């Protein structure tokens, strides 16, 4: 029986929604709708927040304004890895080759 992805949160922006769809389309083999939804929501919110931090830095241009952008990028990288959206993250989850187009995924 195929798992149905959860409905996306209403507050997601365009980029967050795009990642939401990717998560449940591509990573459905290892993400589970009930236990993993909070992690996916967090990552999708970060994807929406990073461009805001980048705009703020570009508009203000001080090094003090760069710190929130760097922090947001680090959090996003960690969160993406945590749900298996980089090779190290997939290896930690035990799904190292489970990506569309790979042998484990069934291509």
N, C-alpha and C. Protein backbone atom coordinates (compact mmCIF):
# COMPACT_ATOMS: atom_id res chain seq x y z
N UNK A 1 0.84 -1.18 0.00
CA UNK A 1 0.00 0.00 0.00
C UNK A 1 0.88 1.24 0.00
N UNK A 2 0.67 2.15 -0.91
CA UNK A 2 1.46 3.36 -1.01
C UNK A 2 1.12 4.31 0.12
N UNK A 3 2.15 4.95 0.64
CA UNK A 3 1.94 5.95 1.69
C UNK A 3 1.55 7.27 1.05
N UNK A 4 0.58 7.93 1.63
CA UNK A 4 0.17 9.23 1.14
C UNK A 4 0.92 10.32 1.90
N UNK A 5 1.47 11.29 1.18
CA UNK A 5 2.17 12.37 1.88
C UNK A 5 1.18 13.24 2.65
N UNK A 6 1.64 13.82 3.74
CA UNK A 6 0.77 14.73 4.49
C UNK A 6 0.54 16.02 3.71
N UNK A 7 -0.53 16.72 4.05
CA UNK A 7 -0.79 18.01 3.43
C UNK A 7 0.26 19.02 3.90
N UNK A 8 0.70 19.90 3.01
CA UNK A 8 1.72 20.88 3.41
C UNK A 8 1.12 21.93 4.34
N UNK A 9 1.93 22.44 5.26
CA UNK A 9 1.45 23.52 6.12
C UNK A 9 1.13 24.77 5.29
N UNK A 10 0.12 25.48 5.68
CA UNK A 10 -0.32 26.67 4.93
C UNK A 10 0.72 27.77 4.91
N UNK A 11 1.58 27.83 5.94
CA UNK A 11 2.52 28.95 6.04
C UNK A 11 3.74 28.82 5.12
N UNK A 12 3.90 27.70 4.44
CA UNK A 12 5.07 27.53 3.59
C UNK A 12 5.04 28.49 2.42
N UNK A 13 6.21 29.04 2.13
CA UNK A 13 6.37 29.88 0.95
C UNK A 13 6.62 29.03 -0.27
N UNK A 14 6.95 29.67 -1.36
CA UNK A 14 7.15 28.97 -2.63
C UNK A 14 8.29 27.95 -2.53
N UNK A 15 9.45 28.37 -2.01
CA UNK A 15 10.59 27.45 -1.93
C UNK A 15 10.34 26.35 -0.91
N UNK A 16 9.72 26.69 0.20
CA UNK A 16 9.39 25.68 1.20
C UNK A 16 8.44 24.64 0.65
N UNK A 17 7.46 25.09 -0.12
CA UNK A 17 6.50 24.16 -0.73
C UNK A 17 7.17 23.28 -1.77
N UNK A 18 8.10 23.87 -2.53
CA UNK A 18 8.83 23.09 -3.53
C UNK A 18 9.62 21.97 -2.84
N UNK A 19 10.29 22.30 -1.73
CA UNK A 19 11.04 21.28 -1.01
C UNK A 19 10.09 20.26 -0.39
N UNK A 20 8.96 20.71 0.12
CA UNK A 20 7.95 19.79 0.69
C UNK A 20 7.59 18.72 -0.34
N UNK A 21 7.30 19.17 -1.55
CA UNK A 21 6.94 18.22 -2.61
C UNK A 21 8.09 17.27 -2.92
N UNK A 22 9.32 17.81 -2.98
CA UNK A 22 10.49 16.95 -3.23
C UNK A 22 10.66 15.92 -2.13
N UNK A 23 10.47 16.35 -0.89
CA UNK A 23 10.63 15.43 0.24
C UNK A 23 9.70 14.24 0.10
N UNK A 24 8.46 14.51 -0.16
CA UNK A 24 7.48 13.42 -0.17
C UNK A 24 7.45 12.69 -1.50
N UNK A 25 7.98 13.28 -2.56
CA UNK A 25 8.07 12.56 -3.84
C UNK A 25 9.33 11.70 -3.89
N UNK A 26 10.49 12.33 -3.63
CA UNK A 26 11.76 11.63 -3.79
C UNK A 26 12.16 10.82 -2.57
N UNK A 27 11.89 11.33 -1.38
CA UNK A 27 12.38 10.67 -0.17
C UNK A 27 11.32 9.82 0.51
N UNK A 28 10.22 9.58 -0.15
CA UNK A 28 9.14 8.83 0.47
C UNK A 28 9.58 7.42 0.85
N UNK A 29 10.68 6.93 0.25
CA UNK A 29 11.16 5.60 0.61
C UNK A 29 11.73 5.56 2.02
N UNK A 30 12.19 6.68 2.55
CA UNK A 30 12.73 6.65 3.91
C UNK A 30 12.07 7.64 4.86
N UNK A 31 11.33 8.61 4.36
CA UNK A 31 10.59 9.52 5.25
C UNK A 31 9.20 8.95 5.49
N UNK A 32 8.76 9.02 6.71
CA UNK A 32 7.43 8.53 7.07
C UNK A 32 6.53 9.70 7.42
N UNK A 33 5.33 9.76 6.87
CA UNK A 33 4.45 10.91 7.06
C UNK A 33 4.17 11.28 8.51
N UNK A 34 4.05 10.33 9.41
CA UNK A 34 3.71 10.70 10.79
C UNK A 34 4.95 11.05 11.61
N UNK A 35 5.94 10.17 11.74
CA UNK A 35 7.06 10.52 12.63
C UNK A 35 8.02 11.57 12.07
N UNK A 36 8.08 11.75 10.75
CA UNK A 36 9.06 12.65 10.16
C UNK A 36 8.50 14.00 9.73
N UNK A 37 7.21 14.19 9.85
CA UNK A 37 6.61 15.41 9.33
C UNK A 37 7.16 16.66 10.01
N UNK A 38 7.40 16.62 11.31
CA UNK A 38 7.91 17.82 12.00
C UNK A 38 9.29 18.21 11.48
N UNK A 39 10.14 17.22 11.23
CA UNK A 39 11.48 17.52 10.69
C UNK A 39 11.36 18.12 9.29
N UNK A 40 10.47 17.62 8.48
CA UNK A 40 10.30 18.15 7.13
C UNK A 40 9.74 19.57 7.19
N UNK A 41 8.80 19.82 8.08
CA UNK A 41 8.26 21.18 8.24
C UNK A 41 9.38 22.14 8.62
N UNK A 42 10.24 21.73 9.57
CA UNK A 42 11.34 22.58 10.00
C UNK A 42 12.27 22.91 8.83
N UNK A 43 12.63 21.91 8.05
CA UNK A 43 13.52 22.14 6.91
C UNK A 43 12.86 23.06 5.90
N UNK A 44 11.60 22.85 5.61
CA UNK A 44 10.90 23.68 4.63
C UNK A 44 10.79 25.13 5.11
N UNK A 45 10.58 25.33 6.39
CA UNK A 45 10.56 26.69 6.93
C UNK A 45 11.93 27.35 6.81
N UNK A 46 12.99 26.58 7.05
CA UNK A 46 14.34 27.12 6.89
C UNK A 46 14.61 27.51 5.44
N UNK A 47 14.13 26.69 4.51
CA UNK A 47 14.31 27.01 3.09
C UNK A 47 13.64 28.34 2.76
N UNK A 48 12.53 28.62 3.39
CA UNK A 48 11.87 29.91 3.19
C UNK A 48 12.60 31.05 3.91
N UNK A 49 13.23 30.75 5.05
CA UNK A 49 13.88 31.79 5.85
C UNK A 49 15.24 32.24 5.31
N UNK A 50 15.98 31.34 4.70
CA UNK A 50 17.32 31.68 4.23
C UNK A 50 17.31 32.83 3.22
N UNK A 51 16.43 32.84 2.23
CA UNK A 51 16.43 33.99 1.31
C UNK A 51 16.11 35.31 2.01
N UNK A 52 15.29 35.26 3.06
CA UNK A 52 15.00 36.48 3.82
C UNK A 52 16.26 36.98 4.52
N UNK A 53 17.01 36.06 5.13
CA UNK A 53 18.25 36.44 5.80
C UNK A 53 19.26 36.97 4.78
N UNK A 54 19.30 36.36 3.60
CA UNK A 54 20.21 36.82 2.55
C UNK A 54 19.81 38.23 2.09
N UNK A 55 18.53 38.47 1.87
CA UNK A 55 18.08 39.81 1.46
C UNK A 55 18.44 40.85 2.52
N UNK A 56 18.20 40.49 3.79
CA UNK A 56 18.49 41.42 4.89
C UNK A 56 19.97 41.79 4.87
N UNK A 57 20.83 40.80 4.70
CA UNK A 57 22.27 41.06 4.65
C UNK A 57 22.61 41.95 3.46
N UNK A 58 22.08 41.64 2.29
CA UNK A 58 22.41 42.42 1.09
C UNK A 58 21.91 43.86 1.19
N UNK A 59 20.76 44.06 1.84
CA UNK A 59 20.23 45.41 1.98
C UNK A 59 20.99 46.21 3.02
N UNK A 60 21.46 45.58 4.08
CA UNK A 60 22.12 46.28 5.17
C UNK A 60 23.64 46.23 5.06
N UNK A 61 24.16 45.12 4.57
CA UNK A 61 25.57 45.01 4.23
C UNK A 61 26.59 45.00 5.34
N UNK A 62 26.20 45.05 6.59
CA UNK A 62 27.20 45.03 7.65
C UNK A 62 27.53 43.58 8.02
N UNK A 63 28.72 43.39 8.59
CA UNK A 63 29.11 42.04 9.00
C UNK A 63 28.20 41.52 10.11
N UNK A 64 27.64 42.40 10.90
CA UNK A 64 26.69 41.97 11.93
C UNK A 64 25.47 41.31 11.30
N UNK A 65 25.08 41.77 10.12
CA UNK A 65 23.93 41.21 9.43
C UNK A 65 24.27 39.91 8.71
N UNK A 66 25.56 39.62 8.57
CA UNK A 66 25.98 38.38 7.93
C UNK A 66 25.82 37.19 8.87
N UNK A 67 25.95 37.41 10.17
CA UNK A 67 25.87 36.32 11.14
C UNK A 67 24.54 35.55 11.10
N UNK A 68 23.40 36.23 11.04
CA UNK A 68 22.14 35.47 10.93
C UNK A 68 22.06 34.64 9.65
N UNK A 69 22.60 35.16 8.55
CA UNK A 69 22.59 34.40 7.29
C UNK A 69 23.46 33.15 7.42
N UNK A 70 24.65 33.30 7.97
CA UNK A 70 25.53 32.14 8.16
C UNK A 70 24.87 31.12 9.07
N UNK A 71 24.25 31.58 10.15
CA UNK A 71 23.57 30.66 11.08
C UNK A 71 22.43 29.93 10.38
N UNK A 72 21.64 30.66 9.58
CA UNK A 72 20.52 30.05 8.86
C UNK A 72 21.02 29.02 7.85
N UNK A 73 22.11 29.32 7.15
CA UNK A 73 22.67 28.37 6.18
C UNK A 73 23.18 27.11 6.88
N UNK A 74 23.83 27.27 8.03
CA UNK A 74 24.31 26.11 8.78
C UNK A 74 23.15 25.26 9.27
N UNK A 75 22.11 25.91 9.79
CA UNK A 75 20.94 25.16 10.26
C UNK A 75 20.28 24.43 9.11
N UNK A 76 20.18 25.09 7.95
CA UNK A 76 19.56 24.46 6.78
C UNK A 76 20.38 23.25 6.33
N UNK A 77 21.68 23.40 6.26
CA UNK A 77 22.52 22.27 5.84
C UNK A 77 22.35 21.09 6.80
N UNK A 78 22.37 21.36 8.08
CA UNK A 78 22.21 20.31 9.08
C UNK A 78 20.83 19.66 8.98
N UNK A 79 19.81 20.48 8.81
CA UNK A 79 18.45 19.94 8.71
C UNK A 79 18.25 19.11 7.45
N UNK A 80 18.79 19.57 6.33
CA UNK A 80 18.70 18.79 5.09
C UNK A 80 19.41 17.45 5.24
N UNK A 81 20.57 17.48 5.87
CA UNK A 81 21.30 16.24 6.12
C UNK A 81 20.49 15.32 7.03
N UNK A 82 19.84 15.89 8.02
CA UNK A 82 19.06 15.11 8.97
C UNK A 82 17.92 14.34 8.34
N UNK A 83 17.40 14.84 7.23
CA UNK A 83 16.32 14.11 6.55
C UNK A 83 16.82 13.36 5.32
N UNK A 84 18.15 13.29 5.17
CA UNK A 84 18.72 12.47 4.11
C UNK A 84 18.86 13.15 2.77
N UNK A 85 18.99 14.47 2.75
CA UNK A 85 19.12 15.17 1.49
C UNK A 85 20.56 15.55 1.16
N UNK A 86 21.50 14.78 1.69
CA UNK A 86 22.88 14.82 1.22
C UNK A 86 23.47 13.43 1.45
N UNK A 87 24.60 13.11 0.83
CA UNK A 87 25.13 11.75 0.94
C UNK A 87 25.40 11.32 2.39
N UNK A 88 25.96 12.20 3.20
CA UNK A 88 26.25 11.83 4.59
C UNK A 88 24.96 11.55 5.36
N UNK A 89 23.95 12.37 5.13
CA UNK A 89 22.67 12.16 5.80
C UNK A 89 22.02 10.85 5.41
N UNK A 90 22.06 10.53 4.11
CA UNK A 90 21.49 9.26 3.67
C UNK A 90 22.27 8.08 4.25
N UNK A 91 23.59 8.22 4.34
CA UNK A 91 24.40 7.15 4.91
C UNK A 91 24.03 6.93 6.38
N UNK A 92 23.85 8.02 7.13
CA UNK A 92 23.46 7.90 8.54
C UNK A 92 22.10 7.24 8.70
N UNK A 93 21.21 7.49 7.73
CA UNK A 93 19.87 6.89 7.78
C UNK A 93 19.85 5.47 7.21
N UNK A 94 20.97 5.06 6.64
CA UNK A 94 21.04 3.72 6.06
C UNK A 94 20.38 3.62 4.70
N UNK A 95 20.27 4.74 4.01
CA UNK A 95 19.65 4.75 2.67
C UNK A 95 20.61 5.41 1.68
N UNK A 96 21.90 5.08 1.80
CA UNK A 96 22.95 5.77 1.05
C UNK A 96 22.70 5.82 -0.45
N UNK A 97 22.12 4.79 -1.03
CA UNK A 97 21.91 4.80 -2.47
C UNK A 97 20.47 4.98 -2.86
N UNK A 98 19.61 5.28 -1.92
CA UNK A 98 18.17 5.32 -2.19
C UNK A 98 17.74 6.69 -2.70
N UNK A 99 18.14 7.00 -3.89
CA UNK A 99 17.75 8.26 -4.51
C UNK A 99 17.31 7.96 -5.92
N UNK A 100 16.33 8.67 -6.44
CA UNK A 100 15.87 8.38 -7.79
C UNK A 100 17.03 8.29 -8.78
N UNK A 101 17.01 7.26 -9.59
CA UNK A 101 18.05 7.05 -10.58
C UNK A 101 19.17 6.16 -10.09
N UNK A 102 19.11 5.71 -8.84
CA UNK A 102 20.15 4.83 -8.31
C UNK A 102 19.62 3.42 -8.21
N UNK A 103 20.54 2.47 -8.10
CA UNK A 103 20.16 1.06 -8.08
C UNK A 103 19.26 0.73 -6.88
N UNK A 104 19.56 1.26 -5.72
CA UNK A 104 18.75 0.95 -4.55
C UNK A 104 17.34 1.51 -4.64
N UNK A 105 17.21 2.60 -5.36
CA UNK A 105 15.90 3.22 -5.50
C UNK A 105 15.00 2.39 -6.42
N UNK A 106 15.63 1.60 -7.26
CA UNK A 106 14.86 0.76 -8.15
C UNK A 106 14.87 1.21 -9.59
N UNK A 107 15.85 2.03 -9.95
CA UNK A 107 15.94 2.52 -11.33
C UNK A 107 16.52 1.46 -12.22
